[in-house]
Every structure is written in C-alpha cells, then in structure tokens.
Amino acid sequence: MDIRNKANRIRLLNFSTPQMRAFHLSWFAFHICFFGWFGIAPLMAIVREDLSLTQTQIGNTIIASVAITVIVRLLIGLLCDRLGPRKTYTGLLVLGSIPVMSIGFADSFESFFLARLAIGAIGASFVITQYHTTMMFAPNVVGTANATSAGWGNLGGGTTQILMPLIFSGMLMLGVNEALGWRLAMVVPGVVLFITGIGYWFLTQDAPDGNFSDLRARGELPEATKEYGALQSFLTAAKDIRVWALFVVYGLCFGVELTINNIAAIYFFDQFNLSLATAGLIAGLFGLMNIFARTLGGVFSDLFAKQGGLKGRVRWLFIALICEGIALIAFSQMHILSLAIGIMLVFSLFVQMAEGATFGVVPFINKKALGAVAGIVGAGGNVGAVSAAFLFRSENLSYQQGLFYLGLTVLVLASCVLAVRFSDATEAQEASAYRDAVGDDTGAGALSLR
C-alpha cells in the first residue's frame, strides 16, 4: 500500500493537518476505549461483594474481558484494509458503548461474565490506532508516532484506575447505595465512548490525501476486492513466521500490561490492606507511565534504526523485553509497599517501552498487508493476557506467585525476537526511505510542539 505525503515530523500543537488530527483523535479514542474496557476493574472489590464472586469467577471475568478481543483484533485489521480506519473506528466506538452502559444490568456471575465478554471487543481499537498513524507518518517517525499514540491511549488504563473510584464515590454522595453506585458509574465511560465515535467520523480522514473511497475513485489505491483482498491479505500475513514471533512478543508486553490493569487494584487492596481509593490510585500509577514510557520505546526504535536499520529496531526490542522480565520478577518479591510501588514503576517503564518497540517493527513486515499484520500481532497481546489470567484464577496460587512465574515466562520467550529478520534488499530499501523522509530537515524524527 503506497500512501503519499506522510508527515516526517510530529507537531503536537498543530491540529490543522490531517496527519495530526488523526494522531490526536486516534490516541484519544484508544484512551477512551481503555476507560470503558477496564472501567469496572478498580471497582471489582465492590462488585465481588455485590455479586458474591469467588477468586476463580473473578479470574474468569478477567479472561472474558480480553479473550473476545483476540478474534475482534484479527477482524478489525481486515476491516481497516477494506473500509479505512475512519469508518472502522467510528463503528467500533458507537457499538462498543452499548455493552459498557449495559453492564449495570448484571445481577449474577453469568450476566456479568457475558457483559465483560462483550465489552472486550472495544480493545480492538488499538489496531485501528496503529493502522491510522502508520498511514499518516513517514518511516523516520513512524515508530515514535505509533508508540506515542498507543501509549497515550494505554494511559487510559491509569486514568481509569484513578477516576472510576472517584466517580463511584460521587454516586454514593448522591445518596445511592454501593450496589447501585458501581452500575451508574459505568454509564459515564459508555456515554463518552459514543460521543467520541461521532467526533471521529467528522474530524478525521483515512490518509493524508483523503479517505480510502476517494483514493480508490482516483486510482491512487487498489480496490479492496482485487489483488490484495481481505482474505488474501490475512493469508499472506499468516504465512510469515515473523508475524507470529511478534504475536508472541506482544503477548509478553501488552498481554502483561492488560493483566496488571485487571489485577493491580485488587492486588494492592488485599496484599497491603489499603482502601479502595488508595489501591486504585497506586494501580493507576502503572498505567500513567504510558504518558511517556511507550513513546520512549518508539523513540529508541527510531534511533536504533538510524544507526542499525531494521536490525537495530529488532535489537532494541529484545533488550526491552529482557529488562521487563527482570523487573517483573523483582516486583513479585516485594513485601514493603514503598518498594513495591517503586519496582512496579520500573517494570511499567520497560513493559511499555517493549510495546512501543514492537510496533516500531510491525510497519516494516509487510506493507501490502499492514492491517492483517497489525491485527495478528495486536491479537497476540490479548492471547498473552488470556494465558496470563489463568495464573491468577486458581485459589491455590497467590498473586505474587503468579507474577513471579509470569516474569520467568517473559525472560524465556523473549528469544522469539530472534526470528524477526529482514533481507538485505529490504534493509537497503528501508534505509533509503528513512533518508528520504528526513531529507534536509535535520530535526525530523523528533517530537515538537509546532
């Protein structure tokens, strides 16, 4: 897919160009999806009492919240290739708002489980965010653009941990009881999701030169039903071993982050005997690291590419994963609250940099099947989260033990990065594209305000 006029700078305060509007709307939409996706997580201590849930049942709802996203992420990448990111994002946001607002009707484990399963579909928003920024930014900054948009989206996992207990407290101040309070609190993220979907339709376009329908009408983009149709695009991506290596790698970083988002509040609540609000605040710090951590992963990916090409991007990804695994094992051994918080922040830094590093590599695997590649790799994050969730659903395994085994798994499977290789011809081609994108602008590749 040859998209022209991509931006070679990220000008954060410039909203006049389609590239920057897509950048800001895509990260904000993903942020709001996190708000709805994990809105119930910091309230689980209340939901547990209201619905009389066991640890196994809570573990099953955690699995449900990320399992459906595996399937939807595979499909959403194909929809991006066919319909474009604008239509796809709008549809996901509007439809996704319905189960978020409806979870308040749950009155049993079964109905709560089904609601979390349905809500999990909005987690596919990540694929659209990465797809849209890849459409808009040149090779010299695409790693930074992808990492920043995804990181600021993931930041929703932190703001959710902080805001939802406050929204819940606000409901209690209105005079409702706890059982009704958590139900009413979930209406807030649902309404915001719906409004964001409408805004995405009117404020963005698919590519720098227009929407996919316009580009196809002008002959600047192949018809989706021809040479690279949805099925062929998926099959092409699925035959590439590098795609599946990154599938596993993304499970080791984003899958781990999703797991921590689901258990952090209740972990600190139980482990250190904290109040719900305090536990949510501490858990929120993990997600708030996304304000810069994932961006750093992309920045380093672009910097490693400047010196070492695509091999440099892969090398940086491996380093980030190893550091993540070591930090996670250390976090699992902390019994003092202050030390646990400090090590959690170090762990958060590396897990999010690894995510940024992963999608610093993804755009270069297969440009003709970008949506399929992004969808498969993105789904790997949720497969990782589902797999990790099984460690935390057993009554016989403590959360600390689960975190320790998860850290060991990250260290062992980081070796999958070694399967991601590029031909000499591809290396030369991308090196030339990098130089062309930078051109005479020596500042290209950096984030700037204007």
Foldseek 3Di string as FASTA:
>chain_A
DDFPDAALAAAQQDQPAQLNLLLVLLLVLLLLLLLLLLLCQLVVVLVCVQQVDDLLLLLLLLLLLLVLLLVLLLVLLQCCLAFNLLVSSLVLLQVLLVLLLVCLVDRYSVSNSVSSNSNSNSNSSLLSSLLQNLQRHFLLASLLSSLQSNLSSLLSLLVSLQVSVVQLVVQVVVPDDNSNSNSVSSNVSSVVSNVSSVVSNPRHERHRVGHPVVCVVVVNDPHCPPDPHSVNLLVVLVVQLLLVLLLQLLLLQLLVVSLLSNCQLVCCCPLVVDDSNVSSNLSSLLSNLSNPLSSVLSLQLSVLCLVPNLVRLLVSLLVLLQQLLVLLLVLLPDNDVVVNSVSSNSNSSSSSSNNSSSSSNLCLPDVSSSSSSSSSSSSSNSVSNSVLSVQRSDPVHDPSNSSNVSSVVSNVSSCSSVSDDDDPVSRVVSNVSNCVSCDPPPPRSDHHND
